[in-house]
Amino acid sequence: MSPVERERELAKLPPARARLIRQRIWRYNHMQPEERQALRRRYQTFSQLPPDKQQTVRERLRELRQLPMTRRPLVHREVQQLRLLPEAQRQARMNSNQFRSRFSPQEQQIVRDLSTYLPN
């Protein structure tokens, strides 16, 4: 899609939505090639999920964004670290007392679903 076509389509959207999309396009255009490739892989993985799992991921990402600023980086970091582990190690870590004591039940569910449905 050309920039002119894109702007024509964005003009049809509510201003706040169009602004958000423009910001995301700008961010994407300023990513390093490796970051873009990783994003494409994550999108491909996501698009191959069944619709109910895609909805679960969307809900968990929304919940993650709504966490207090003090908790969000900790939960995000845990998801990232778990995604790098083999399945057995990931499950063992999520079943540990340390994991349960470190994260609230809601945070545990966010971590569990995102690291399961969006593995590396």
PDB file of N, CA and C in Angstrom:
ATOM      1  N   MET A   1       0.850  -1.165   0.000  1.00  0.00           N
ATOM      2  CA  MET A   1       0.000   0.000   0.000  1.00  0.00           C
ATOM      3  C   MET A   1       0.902   1.235   0.000  1.00  0.00           C
ATOM      4  N   SER A   2       0.598   2.128  -0.874  1.00  0.00           N
ATOM      5  CA  SER A   2       1.406   3.345  -0.956  1.00  0.00           C
ATOM      6  C   SER A   2       1.069   4.262   0.220  1.00  0.00           C
ATOM      7  N   PRO A   3       1.966   5.204   0.531  1.00  0.00           N
ATOM      8  CA  PRO A   3       1.674   6.150   1.620  1.00  0.00           C
ATOM      9  C   PRO A   3       0.389   6.950   1.380  1.00  0.00           C
ATOM     10  N   VAL A   4       0.117   7.288   0.127  1.00  0.00           N
ATOM     11  CA  VAL A   4      -1.102   8.041  -0.189  1.00  0.00           C
ATOM     12  C   VAL A   4      -2.341   7.184   0.088  1.00  0.00           C
ATOM     13  N   GLU A   5      -2.302   5.920  -0.334  1.00  0.00           N
ATOM     14  CA  GLU A   5      -3.422   5.013  -0.069  1.00  0.00           C
ATOM     15  C   GLU A   5      -3.610   4.798   1.431  1.00  0.00           C
ATOM     16  N   ARG A   6      -2.486   4.648   2.126  1.00  0.00           N
ATOM     17  CA  ARG A   6      -2.554   4.435   3.575  1.00  0.00           C
ATOM     18  C   ARG A   6      -3.217   5.625   4.255  1.00  0.00           C
ATOM     19  N   GLU A   7      -2.803   6.827   3.897  1.00  0.00           N
ATOM     20  CA  GLU A   7      -3.391   8.029   4.498  1.00  0.00           C
ATOM     21  C   GLU A   7      -4.873   8.156   4.162  1.00  0.00           C
ATOM     22  N   ARG A   8      -5.253   7.756   2.969  1.00  0.00           N
ATOM     23  CA  ARG A   8      -6.658   7.789   2.566  1.00  0.00           C
ATOM     24  C   ARG A   8      -7.476   6.860   3.479  1.00  0.00           C
ATOM     25  N   GLU A   9      -6.940   5.678   3.744  1.00  0.00           N
ATOM     26  CA  GLU A   9      -7.636   4.722   4.614  1.00  0.00           C
ATOM     27  C   GLU A   9      -7.638   5.195   6.064  1.00  0.00           C
ATOM     28  N   LEU A  10      -6.527   5.749   6.514  1.00  0.00           N
ATOM     29  CA  LEU A  10      -6.458   6.239   7.887  1.00  0.00           C
ATOM     30  C   LEU A  10      -7.429   7.403   8.123  1.00  0.00           C
ATOM     31  N   ALA A  11      -7.675   8.186   7.089  1.00  0.00           N
ATOM     32  CA  ALA A  11      -8.600   9.314   7.205  1.00  0.00           C
ATOM     33  C   ALA A  11     -10.026   8.849   7.498  1.00  0.00           C
ATOM     34  N   LYS A  12     -10.325   7.610   7.191  1.00  0.00           N
ATOM     35  CA  LYS A  12     -11.665   7.053   7.435  1.00  0.00           C
ATOM     36  C   LYS A  12     -11.871   6.645   8.886  1.00  0.00           C
ATOM     37  N   LEU A  13     -10.788   6.544   9.638  1.00  0.00           N
ATOM     38  CA  LEU A  13     -10.845   6.071  11.020  1.00  0.00           C
ATOM     39  C   LEU A  13     -11.047   7.230  11.992  1.00  0.00           C
ATOM     40  N   PRO A  14     -11.507   6.913  13.203  1.00  0.00           N
ATOM     41  CA  PRO A  14     -11.546   7.957  14.237  1.00  0.00           C
ATOM     42  C   PRO A  14     -10.131   8.494  14.466  1.00  0.00           C
ATOM     43  N   PRO A  15      -9.989   9.779  14.766  1.00  0.00           N
ATOM     44  CA  PRO A  15      -8.660  10.388  14.896  1.00  0.00           C
ATOM     45  C   PRO A  15      -7.727   9.663  15.875  1.00  0.00           C
ATOM     46  N   ALA A  16      -8.232   9.238  17.009  1.00  0.00           N
ATOM     47  CA  ALA A  16      -7.371   8.567  17.987  1.00  0.00           C
ATOM     48  C   ALA A  16      -6.846   7.248  17.431  1.00  0.00           C
ATOM     49  N   ARG A  17      -7.689   6.503  16.747  1.00  0.00           N
ATOM     50  CA  ARG A  17      -7.275   5.214  16.168  1.00  0.00           C
ATOM     51  C   ARG A  17      -6.245   5.442  15.059  1.00  0.00           C
ATOM     52  N   ALA A  18      -6.489   6.439  14.202  1.00  0.00           N
ATOM     53  CA  ALA A  18      -5.555   6.752  13.119  1.00  0.00           C
ATOM     54  C   ALA A  18      -4.199   7.170  13.681  1.00  0.00           C
ATOM     55  N   ARG A  19      -4.209   7.957  14.760  1.00  0.00           N
ATOM     56  CA  ARG A  19      -2.959   8.403  15.385  1.00  0.00           C
ATOM     57  C   ARG A  19      -2.179   7.199  15.931  1.00  0.00           C
ATOM     58  N   LEU A  20      -2.890   6.268  16.574  1.00  0.00           N
ATOM     59  CA  LEU A  20      -2.246   5.074  17.108  1.00  0.00           C
ATOM     60  C   LEU A  20      -1.606   4.250  15.994  1.00  0.00           C
ATOM     61  N   ILE A  21      -2.308   4.083  14.906  1.00  0.00           N
ATOM     62  CA  ILE A  21      -1.763   3.311  13.780  1.00  0.00           C
ATOM     63  C   ILE A  21      -0.552   4.020  13.185  1.00  0.00           C
ATOM     64  N   ARG A  22      -0.619   5.318  13.041  1.00  0.00           N
ATOM     65  CA  ARG A  22       0.534   6.071  12.521  1.00  0.00           C
ATOM     66  C   ARG A  22       1.756   5.904  13.427  1.00  0.00           C
ATOM     67  N   GLN A  23       1.521   5.934  14.748  1.00  0.00           N
ATOM     68  CA  GLN A  23       2.629   5.740  15.691  1.00  0.00           C
ATOM     69  C   GLN A  23       3.239   4.353  15.523  1.00  0.00           C
ATOM     70  N   ARG A  24       2.384   3.356  15.364  1.00  0.00           N
ATOM     71  CA  ARG A  24       2.886   1.993  15.200  1.00  0.00           C
ATOM     72  C   ARG A  24       3.647   1.843  13.887  1.00  0.00           C
ATOM     73  N   ILE A  25       3.187   2.455  12.836  1.00  0.00           N
ATOM     74  CA  ILE A  25       3.895   2.419  11.550  1.00  0.00           C
ATOM     75  C   ILE A  25       5.254   3.097  11.699  1.00  0.00           C
ATOM     76  N   TRP A  26       5.270   4.238  12.360  1.00  0.00           N
ATOM     77  CA  TRP A  26       6.534   4.949  12.560  1.00  0.00           C
ATOM     78  C   TRP A  26       7.515   4.076  13.330  1.00  0.00           C
ATOM     79  N   ARG A  27       7.019   3.456  14.432  1.00  0.00           N
ATOM     80  CA  ARG A  27       7.882   2.587  15.229  1.00  0.00           C
ATOM     81  C   ARG A  27       8.425   1.430  14.406  1.00  0.00           C
ATOM     82  N   TYR A  28       7.561   0.811  13.619  1.00  0.00           N
ATOM     83  CA  TYR A  28       7.980  -0.310  12.776  1.00  0.00           C
ATOM     84  C   TYR A  28       9.048   0.141  11.779  1.00  0.00           C
ATOM     85  N   ASN A  29       8.838   1.276  11.164  1.00  0.00           N
ATOM     86  CA  ASN A  29       9.790   1.784  10.177  1.00  0.00           C
ATOM     87  C   ASN A  29      11.149   2.135  10.780  1.00  0.00           C
ATOM     88  N   HIS A  30      11.189   2.354  12.079  1.00  0.00           N
ATOM     89  CA  HIS A  30      12.442   2.706  12.747  1.00  0.00           C
ATOM     90  C   HIS A  30      13.088   1.532  13.496  1.00  0.00           C
ATOM     91  N   MET A  31      12.527   0.354  13.337  1.00  0.00           N
ATOM     92  CA  MET A  31      13.115  -0.839  13.962  1.00  0.00           C
ATOM     93  C   MET A  31      14.333  -1.308  13.184  1.00  0.00           C
ATOM     94  N   GLN A  32      15.213  -1.993  13.907  1.00  0.00           N
ATOM     95  CA  GLN A  32      16.333  -2.657  13.255  1.00  0.00           C
ATOM     96  C   GLN A  32      15.778  -3.849  12.458  1.00  0.00           C
ATOM     97  N   PRO A  33      16.458  -4.278  11.396  1.00  0.00           N
ATOM     98  CA  PRO A  33      15.978  -5.421  10.610  1.00  0.00           C
ATOM     99  C   PRO A  33      15.707  -6.674  11.438  1.00  0.00           C
ATOM    100  N   GLU A  34      16.545  -6.924  12.448  1.00  0.00           N
ATOM    101  CA  GLU A  34      16.346  -8.107  13.296  1.00  0.00           C
ATOM    102  C   GLU A  34      15.052  -7.986  14.092  1.00  0.00           C
ATOM    103  N   GLU A  35      14.769  -6.767  14.561  1.00  0.00           N
ATOM    104  CA  GLU A  35      13.538  -6.547  15.322  1.00  0.00           C
ATOM    105  C   GLU A  35      12.312  -6.746  14.436  1.00  0.00           C
ATOM    106  N   ARG A  36      12.392  -6.273  13.212  1.00  0.00           N
ATOM    107  CA  ARG A  36      11.276  -6.464  12.278  1.00  0.00           C
ATOM    108  C   ARG A  36      11.039  -7.936  12.004  1.00  0.00           C
ATOM    109  N   GLN A  37      12.132  -8.680  11.809  1.00  0.00           N
ATOM    110  CA  GLN A  37      12.020 -10.112  11.545  1.00  0.00           C
ATOM    111  C   GLN A  37      11.380 -10.827  12.728  1.00  0.00           C
ATOM    112  N   ALA A  38      11.800 -10.470  13.934  1.00  0.00           N
ATOM    113  CA  ALA A  38      11.225 -11.083  15.135  1.00  0.00           C
ATOM    114  C   ALA A  38       9.737 -10.758  15.246  1.00  0.00           C
ATOM    115  N   LEU A  39       9.381  -9.538  14.931  1.00  0.00           N
ATOM    116  CA  LEU A  39       7.970  -9.139  14.962  1.00  0.00           C
ATOM    117  C   LEU A  39       7.156  -9.925  13.939  1.00  0.00           C
ATOM    118  N   ARG A  40       7.711 -10.098  12.758  1.00  0.00           N
ATOM    119  CA  ARG A  40       7.017 -10.894  11.728  1.00  0.00           C
ATOM    120  C   ARG A  40       6.816 -12.330  12.184  1.00  0.00           C
ATOM    121  N   ARG A  41       7.850 -12.900  12.821  1.00  0.00           N
ATOM    122  CA  ARG A  41       7.724 -14.280  13.326  1.00  0.00           C
ATOM    123  C   ARG A  41       6.640 -14.377  14.389  1.00  0.00           C
ATOM    124  N   ARG A  42       6.613 -13.393  15.302  1.00  0.00           N
ATOM    125  CA  ARG A  42       5.581 -13.412  16.351  1.00  0.00           C
ATOM    126  C   ARG A  42       4.188 -13.280  15.735  1.00  0.00           C
ATOM    127  N   TYR A  43       4.064 -12.422  14.738  1.00  0.00           N
ATOM    128  CA  TYR A  43       2.762 -12.263  14.087  1.00  0.00           C
ATOM    129  C   TYR A  43       2.356 -13.560  13.384  1.00  0.00           C
ATOM    130  N   GLN A  44       3.287 -14.200  12.724  1.00  0.00           N
ATOM    131  CA  GLN A  44       2.982 -15.456  12.027  1.00  0.00           C
ATOM    132  C   GLN A  44       2.540 -16.523  13.041  1.00  0.00           C
ATOM    133  N   THR A  45       3.242 -16.616  14.152  1.00  0.00           N
ATOM    134  CA  THR A  45       2.858 -17.558  15.203  1.00  0.00           C
ATOM    135  C   THR A  45       1.453 -17.239  15.696  1.00  0.00           C
ATOM    136  N   PHE A  46       1.192 -15.963  15.947  1.00  0.00           N
ATOM    137  CA  PHE A  46      -0.123 -15.537  16.423  1.00  0.00           C
ATOM    138  C   PHE A  46      -1.210 -15.859  15.409  1.00  0.00           C
ATOM    139  N   SER A  47      -0.956 -15.577  14.149  1.00  0.00           N
ATOM    140  CA  SER A  47      -1.994 -15.785  13.126  1.00  0.00           C
ATOM    141  C   SER A  47      -2.307 -17.262  12.903  1.00  0.00           C
ATOM    142  N   GLN A  48      -1.415 -18.153  13.316  1.00  0.00           N
ATOM    143  CA  GLN A  48      -1.649 -19.586  13.174  1.00  0.00           C
ATOM    144  C   GLN A  48      -2.419 -20.171  14.356  1.00  0.00           C
ATOM    145  N   LEU A  49      -2.617 -19.381  15.401  1.00  0.00           N
ATOM    146  CA  LEU A  49      -3.393 -19.852  16.546  1.00  0.00           C
ATOM    147  C   LEU A  49      -4.872 -19.940  16.171  1.00  0.00           C
ATOM    148  N   PRO A  50      -5.609 -20.851  16.795  1.00  0.00           N
ATOM    149  CA  PRO A  50      -7.056 -20.880  16.596  1.00  0.00           C
ATOM    150  C   PRO A  50      -7.664 -19.567  17.115  1.00  0.00           C
ATOM    151  N   PRO A  51      -8.809 -19.174  16.594  1.00  0.00           N
ATOM    152  CA  PRO A  51      -9.420 -17.898  17.003  1.00  0.00           C
ATOM    153  C   PRO A  51      -9.598 -17.737  18.514  1.00  0.00           C
ATOM    154  N   ASP A  52      -9.963 -18.799  19.219  1.00  0.00           N
ATOM    155  CA  ASP A  52     -10.150 -18.668  20.667  1.00  0.00           C
ATOM    156  C   ASP A  52      -8.833 -18.379  21.380  1.00  0.00           C
ATOM    157  N   LYS A  53      -7.750 -18.958  20.908  1.00  0.00           N
ATOM    158  CA  LYS A  53      -6.437 -18.693  21.504  1.00  0.00           C
ATOM    159  C   LYS A  53      -5.969 -17.279  21.165  1.00  0.00           C
ATOM    160  N   GLN A  54      -6.251 -16.826  19.942  1.00  0.00           N
ATOM    161  CA  GLN A  54      -5.922 -15.449  19.577  1.00  0.00           C
ATOM    162  C   GLN A  54      -6.642 -14.474  20.507  1.00  0.00           C
ATOM    163  N   GLN A  55      -7.907 -14.773  20.796  1.00  0.00           N
ATOM    164  CA  GLN A  55      -8.681 -13.911  21.688  1.00  0.00           C
ATOM    165  C   GLN A  55      -8.086 -13.920  23.094  1.00  0.00           C
ATOM    166  N   THR A  56      -7.668 -15.080  23.553  1.00  0.00           N
ATOM    167  CA  THR A  56      -7.033 -15.178  24.872  1.00  0.00           C
ATOM    168  C   THR A  56      -5.773 -14.327  24.912  1.00  0.00           C
ATOM    169  N   VAL A  57      -4.952 -14.411  23.881  1.00  0.00           N
ATOM    170  CA  VAL A  57      -3.718 -13.609  23.827  1.00  0.00           C
ATOM    171  C   VAL A  57      -4.058 -12.122  23.857  1.00  0.00           C
ATOM    172  N   ARG A  58      -5.041 -11.722  23.065  1.00  0.00           N
ATOM    173  CA  ARG A  58      -5.445 -10.301  23.056  1.00  0.00           C
ATOM    174  C   ARG A  58      -5.869  -9.848  24.449  1.00  0.00           C
ATOM    175  N   GLU A  59      -6.677 -10.678  25.123  1.00  0.00           N
ATOM    176  CA  GLU A  59      -7.140 -10.332  26.468  1.00  0.00           C
ATOM    177  C   GLU A  59      -5.979 -10.227  27.450  1.00  0.00           C
ATOM    178  N   ARG A  60      -5.051 -11.165  27.381  1.00  0.00           N
ATOM    179  CA  ARG A  60      -3.913 -11.129  28.307  1.00  0.00           C
ATOM    180  C   ARG A  60      -3.018  -9.928  28.031  1.00  0.00           C
ATOM    181  N   LEU A  61      -2.829  -9.578  26.761  1.00  0.00           N
ATOM    182  CA  LEU A  61      -2.027  -8.395  26.439  1.00  0.00           C
ATOM    183  C   LEU A  61      -2.712  -7.135  26.959  1.00  0.00           C
ATOM    184  N   ARG A  62      -4.024  -7.082  26.841  1.00  0.00           N
ATOM    185  CA  ARG A  62      -4.779  -5.950  27.373  1.00  0.00           C
ATOM    186  C   ARG A  62      -4.607  -5.882  28.893  1.00  0.00           C
ATOM    187  N   GLU A  63      -4.712  -7.032  29.559  1.00  0.00           N
ATOM    188  CA  GLU A  63      -4.521  -7.071  31.010  1.00  0.00           C
ATOM    189  C   GLU A  63      -3.100  -6.647  31.388  1.00  0.00           C
ATOM    190  N   LEU A  64      -2.127  -7.093  30.620  1.00  0.00           N
ATOM    191  CA  LEU A  64      -0.738  -6.708  30.874  1.00  0.00           C
ATOM    192  C   LEU A  64      -0.583  -5.192  30.793  1.00  0.00           C
ATOM    193  N   ARG A  65      -1.170  -4.582  29.772  1.00  0.00           N
ATOM    194  CA  ARG A  65      -1.071  -3.121  29.616  1.00  0.00           C
ATOM    195  C   ARG A  65      -1.770  -2.379  30.747  1.00  0.00           C
ATOM    196  N   GLN A  66      -2.745  -3.020  31.387  1.00  0.00           N
ATOM    197  CA  GLN A  66      -3.500  -2.364  32.461  1.00  0.00           C
ATOM    198  C   GLN A  66      -2.877  -2.563  33.845  1.00  0.00           C
ATOM    199  N   LEU A  67      -1.839  -3.385  33.921  1.00  0.00           N
ATOM    200  CA  LEU A  67      -1.169  -3.569  35.212  1.00  0.00           C
ATOM    201  C   LEU A  67      -0.515  -2.266  35.650  1.00  0.00           C
ATOM    202  N   PRO A  68      -0.330  -2.098  36.953  1.00  0.00           N
ATOM    203  CA  PRO A  68       0.386  -0.903  37.425  1.00  0.00           C
ATOM    204  C   PRO A  68       1.795  -0.846  36.814  1.00  0.00           C
ATOM    205  N   MET A  69       2.262   0.348  36.603  1.00  0.00           N
ATOM    206  CA  MET A  69       3.581   0.542  35.978  1.00  0.00           C
ATOM    207  C   MET A  69       4.696  -0.170  36.744  1.00  0.00           C
ATOM    208  N   THR A  70       4.525  -0.343  38.032  1.00  0.00           N
ATOM    209  CA  THR A  70       5.557  -1.022  38.817  1.00  0.00           C
ATOM    210  C   THR A  70       5.572  -2.524  38.557  1.00  0.00           C
ATOM    211  N   ARG A  71       4.457  -3.096  38.141  1.00  0.00           N
ATOM    212  CA  ARG A  71       4.353  -4.540  37.921  1.00  0.00           C
ATOM    213  C   ARG A  71       4.561  -4.934  36.462  1.00  0.00           C
ATOM    214  N   ARG A  72       4.183  -4.075  35.567  1.00  0.00           N
ATOM    215  CA  ARG A  72       4.221  -4.406  34.136  1.00  0.00           C
ATOM    216  C   ARG A  72       5.585  -4.896  33.654  1.00  0.00           C
ATOM    217  N   PRO A  73       6.686  -4.195  33.963  1.00  0.00           N
ATOM    218  CA  PRO A  73       7.995  -4.677  33.479  1.00  0.00           C
ATOM    219  C   PRO A  73       8.378  -6.037  34.051  1.00  0.00           C
ATOM    220  N   LEU A  74       8.016  -6.292  35.304  1.00  0.00           N
ATOM    221  CA  LEU A  74       8.348  -7.578  35.926  1.00  0.00           C
ATOM    222  C   LEU A  74       7.614  -8.725  35.245  1.00  0.00           C
ATOM    223  N   VAL A  75       6.331  -8.518  34.973  1.00  0.00           N
ATOM    224  CA  VAL A  75       5.535  -9.558  34.315  1.00  0.00           C
ATOM    225  C   VAL A  75       6.028  -9.751  32.884  1.00  0.00           C
ATOM    226  N   HIS A  76       6.283  -8.669  32.193  1.00  0.00           N
ATOM    227  CA  HIS A  76       6.767  -8.754  30.816  1.00  0.00           C
ATOM    228  C   HIS A  76       8.102  -9.496  30.750  1.00  0.00           C
ATOM    229  N   ARG A  77       8.994  -9.176  31.668  1.00  0.00           N
ATOM    230  CA  ARG A  77      10.306  -9.839  31.706  1.00  0.00           C
ATOM    231  C   ARG A  77      10.150 -11.342  31.948  1.00  0.00           C
ATOM    232  N   GLU A  78       9.229 -11.705  32.825  1.00  0.00           N
ATOM    233  CA  GLU A  78       9.009 -13.126  33.112  1.00  0.00           C
ATOM    234  C   GLU A  78       8.487 -13.849  31.871  1.00  0.00           C
ATOM    235  N   VAL A  79       7.578 -13.217  31.153  1.00  0.00           N
ATOM    236  CA  VAL A  79       7.074 -13.814  29.901  1.00  0.00           C
ATOM    237  C   VAL A  79       8.234 -14.024  28.934  1.00  0.00           C
ATOM    238  N   GLN A  80       9.057 -13.013  28.776  1.00  0.00           N
ATOM    239  CA  GLN A  80      10.185 -13.100  27.843  1.00  0.00           C
ATOM    240  C   GLN A  80      11.145 -14.223  28.250  1.00  0.00           C
ATOM    241  N   GLN A  81      11.441 -14.317  29.520  1.00  0.00           N
ATOM    242  CA  GLN A  81      12.372 -15.350  29.980  1.00  0.00           C
ATOM    243  C   GLN A  81      11.784 -16.748  29.810  1.00  0.00           C
ATOM    244  N   LEU A  82      10.510 -16.896  30.120  1.00  0.00           N
ATOM    245  CA  LEU A  82       9.872 -18.201  29.989  1.00  0.00           C
ATOM    246  C   LEU A  82       9.776 -18.643  28.532  1.00  0.00           C
ATOM    247  N   ARG A  83       9.596 -17.706  27.649  1.00  0.00           N
ATOM    248  CA  ARG A  83       9.491 -18.041  26.224  1.00  0.00           C
ATOM    249  C   ARG A  83      10.775 -18.668  25.695  1.00  0.00           C
ATOM    250  N   LEU A  84      11.880 -18.402  26.357  1.00  0.00           N
ATOM    251  CA  LEU A  84      13.166 -18.944  25.915  1.00  0.00           C
ATOM    252  C   LEU A  84      13.427 -20.361  26.426  1.00  0.00           C
ATOM    253  N   LEU A  85      12.637 -20.786  27.410  1.00  0.00           N
ATOM    254  CA  LEU A  85      12.876 -22.085  28.032  1.00  0.00           C
ATOM    255  C   LEU A  85      12.163 -23.211  27.296  1.00  0.00           C
ATOM    256  N   PRO A  86      12.721 -24.413  27.353  1.00  0.00           N
ATOM    257  CA  PRO A  86      11.992 -25.578  26.845  1.00  0.00           C
ATOM    258  C   PRO A  86      10.706 -25.772  27.666  1.00  0.00           C
ATOM    259  N   GLU A  87       9.723 -26.419  27.070  1.00  0.00           N
ATOM    260  CA  GLU A  87       8.410 -26.581  27.697  1.00  0.00           C
ATOM    261  C   GLU A  87       8.488 -27.128  29.117  1.00  0.00           C
ATOM    262  N   ALA A  88       9.260 -28.181  29.347  1.00  0.00           N
ATOM    263  CA  ALA A  88       9.332 -28.795  30.680  1.00  0.00           C
ATOM    264  C   ALA A  88       9.873 -27.815  31.718  1.00  0.00           C
ATOM    265  N   GLN A  89      10.895 -27.067  31.376  1.00  0.00           N
ATOM    266  CA  GLN A  89      11.460 -26.088  32.306  1.00  0.00           C
ATOM    267  C   GLN A  89      10.481 -24.939  32.546  1.00  0.00           C
ATOM    268  N   ARG A  90       9.791 -24.540  31.480  1.00  0.00           N
ATOM    269  CA  ARG A  90       8.800 -23.457  31.603  1.00  0.00           C
ATOM    270  C   ARG A  90       7.700 -23.883  32.590  1.00  0.00           C
ATOM    271  N   GLN A  91       7.196 -25.101  32.425  1.00  0.00           N
ATOM    272  CA  GLN A  91       6.145 -25.585  33.320  1.00  0.00           C
ATOM    273  C   GLN A  91       6.642 -25.705  34.758  1.00  0.00           C
ATOM    274  N   ALA A  92       7.850 -26.221  34.929  1.00  0.00           N
ATOM    275  CA  ALA A  92       8.413 -26.359  36.279  1.00  0.00           C
ATOM    276  C   ALA A  92       8.534 -24.996  36.951  1.00  0.00           C
ATOM    277  N   ARG A  93       8.980 -23.999  36.214  1.00  0.00           N
ATOM    278  CA  ARG A  93       9.130 -22.662  36.795  1.00  0.00           C
ATOM    279  C   ARG A  93       7.778 -22.070  37.162  1.00  0.00           C
ATOM    280  N   MET A  94       6.774 -22.251  36.292  1.00  0.00           N
ATOM    281  CA  MET A  94       5.458 -21.693  36.581  1.00  0.00           C
ATOM    282  C   MET A  94       4.762 -22.430  37.730  1.00  0.00           C
ATOM    283  N   ASN A  95       5.176 -23.653  38.010  1.00  0.00           N
ATOM    284  CA  ASN A  95       4.591 -24.419  39.112  1.00  0.00           C
ATOM    285  C   ASN A  95       5.369 -24.251  40.419  1.00  0.00           C
ATOM    286  N   SER A  96       6.422 -23.468  40.383  1.00  0.00           N
ATOM    287  CA  SER A  96       7.259 -23.311  41.585  1.00  0.00           C
ATOM    288  C   SER A  96       6.600 -22.366  42.595  1.00  0.00           C
ATOM    289  N   ASN A  97       6.969 -22.549  43.839  1.00  0.00           N
ATOM    290  CA  ASN A  97       6.486 -21.654  44.904  1.00  0.00           C
ATOM    291  C   ASN A  97       6.980 -20.229  44.689  1.00  0.00           C
ATOM    292  N   GLN A  98       8.202 -20.111  44.186  1.00  0.00           N
ATOM    293  CA  GLN A  98       8.757 -18.781  43.936  1.00  0.00           C
ATOM    294  C   GLN A  98       7.891 -18.013  42.935  1.00  0.00           C
ATOM    295  N   PHE A  99       7.490 -18.686  41.866  1.00  0.00           N
ATOM    296  CA  PHE A  99       6.634 -18.053  40.855  1.00  0.00           C
ATOM    297  C   PHE A  99       5.309 -17.626  41.480  1.00  0.00           C
ATOM    298  N   ARG A 100       4.704 -18.521  42.232  1.00  0.00           N
ATOM    299  CA  ARG A 100       3.397 -18.236  42.851  1.00  0.00           C
ATOM    300  C   ARG A 100       3.473 -17.106  43.862  1.00  0.00           C
ATOM    301  N   SER A 101       4.594 -17.018  44.573  1.00  0.00           N
ATOM    302  CA  SER A 101       4.712 -15.965  45.580  1.00  0.00           C
ATOM    303  C   SER A 101       5.103 -14.620  44.959  1.00  0.00           C
ATOM    304  N   ARG A 102       5.694 -14.664  43.805  1.00  0.00           N
ATOM    305  CA  ARG A 102       6.176 -13.433  43.152  1.00  0.00           C
ATOM    306  C   ARG A 102       5.087 -12.717  42.360  1.00  0.00           C
ATOM    307  N   PHE A 103       4.105 -13.506  41.844  1.00  0.00           N
ATOM    308  CA  PHE A 103       3.082 -12.932  40.979  1.00  0.00           C
ATOM    309  C   PHE A 103       1.687 -13.196  41.515  1.00  0.00           C
ATOM    310  N   SER A 104       0.810 -12.231  41.315  1.00  0.00           N
ATOM    311  CA  SER A 104      -0.593 -12.397  41.715  1.00  0.00           C
ATOM    312  C   SER A 104      -1.245 -13.441  40.795  1.00  0.00           C
ATOM    313  N   PRO A 105      -2.407 -13.961  41.184  1.00  0.00           N
ATOM    314  CA  PRO A 105      -3.092 -14.916  40.302  1.00  0.00           C
ATOM    315  C   PRO A 105      -3.342 -14.363  38.888  1.00  0.00           C
ATOM    316  N   GLN A 106      -3.720 -13.103  38.798  1.00  0.00           N
ATOM    317  CA  GLN A 106      -3.941 -12.503  37.466  1.00  0.00           C
ATOM    318  C   GLN A 106      -2.629 -12.451  36.682  1.00  0.00           C
ATOM    319  N   GLU A 107      -1.556 -12.035  37.341  1.00  0.00           N
ATOM    320  CA  GLU A 107      -0.256 -11.971  36.677  1.00  0.00           C
ATOM    321  C   GLU A 107       0.215 -13.359  36.264  1.00  0.00           C
ATOM    322  N   GLN A 108      -0.026 -14.345  37.106  1.00  0.00           N
ATOM    323  CA  GLN A 108       0.338 -15.718  36.759  1.00  0.00           C
ATOM    324  C   GLN A 108      -0.384 -16.169  35.490  1.00  0.00           C
ATOM    325  N   GLN A 109      -1.656 -15.817  35.390  1.00  0.00           N
ATOM    326  CA  GLN A 109      -2.418 -16.212  34.199  1.00  0.00           C
ATOM    327  C   GLN A 109      -1.894 -15.505  32.958  1.00  0.00           C
ATOM    328  N   ILE A 110      -1.558 -14.242  33.094  1.00  0.00           N
ATOM    329  CA  ILE A 110      -0.984 -13.496  31.967  1.00  0.00           C
ATOM    330  C   ILE A 110       0.300 -14.178  31.512  1.00  0.00           C
ATOM    331  N   VAL A 111       1.187 -14.447  32.456  1.00  0.00           N
ATOM    332  CA  VAL A 111       2.470 -15.074  32.135  1.00  0.00           C
ATOM    333  C   VAL A 111       2.246 -16.451  31.515  1.00  0.00           C
ATOM    334  N   ARG A 112       1.380 -17.228  32.127  1.00  0.00           N
ATOM    335  CA  ARG A 112       1.130 -18.600  31.656  1.00  0.00           C
ATOM    336  C   ARG A 112       0.600 -18.592  30.210  1.00  0.00           C
ATOM    337  N   ASP A 113      -0.410 -17.794  29.963  1.00  0.00           N
ATOM    338  CA  ASP A 113      -1.013 -17.798  28.621  1.00  0.00           C
ATOM    339  C   ASP A 113      -0.078 -17.228  27.559  1.00  0.00           C
ATOM    340  N   LEU A 114       0.566 -16.104  27.858  1.00  0.00           N
ATOM    341  CA  LEU A 114       1.436 -15.509  26.843  1.00  0.00           C
ATOM    342  C   LEU A 114       2.661 -16.363  26.551  1.00  0.00           C
ATOM    343  N   SER A 115       3.238 -16.976  27.579  1.00  0.00           N
ATOM    344  CA  SER A 115       4.416 -17.796  27.328  1.00  0.00           C
ATOM    345  C   SER A 115       4.049 -19.129  26.679  1.00  0.00           C
ATOM    346  N   THR A 116       2.819 -19.575  26.864  1.00  0.00           N
ATOM    347  CA  THR A 116       2.376 -20.831  26.264  1.00  0.00           C
ATOM    348  C   THR A 116       1.947 -20.639  24.810  1.00  0.00           C
ATOM    349  N   TYR A 117       1.114 -19.639  24.572  1.00  0.00           N
ATOM    350  CA  TYR A 117       0.551 -19.460  23.236  1.00  0.00           C
ATOM    351  C   TYR A 117       1.482 -18.710  22.286  1.00  0.00           C
ATOM    352  N   LEU A 118       2.445 -18.006  22.850  1.00  0.00           N
ATOM    353  CA  LEU A 118       3.399 -17.269  22.010  1.00  0.00           C
ATOM    354  C   LEU A 118       4.827 -17.684  22.338  1.00  0.00           C
ATOM    355  N   PRO A 119       5.145 -18.968  22.224  1.00  0.00           N
ATOM    356  CA  PRO A 119       6.522 -19.387  22.514  1.00  0.00           C
ATOM    357  C   PRO A 119       7.477 -18.793  21.501  1.00  0.00           C
ATOM    358  N   ASN A 120       8.758 -18.818  21.836  1.00  0.00           N
ATOM    359  CA  ASN A 120       9.778 -18.244  20.930  1.00  0.00           C
ATOM    360  C   ASN A 120       9.866 -18.973  19.632  1.00  0.00           C
TER     361      ASN A 120
END
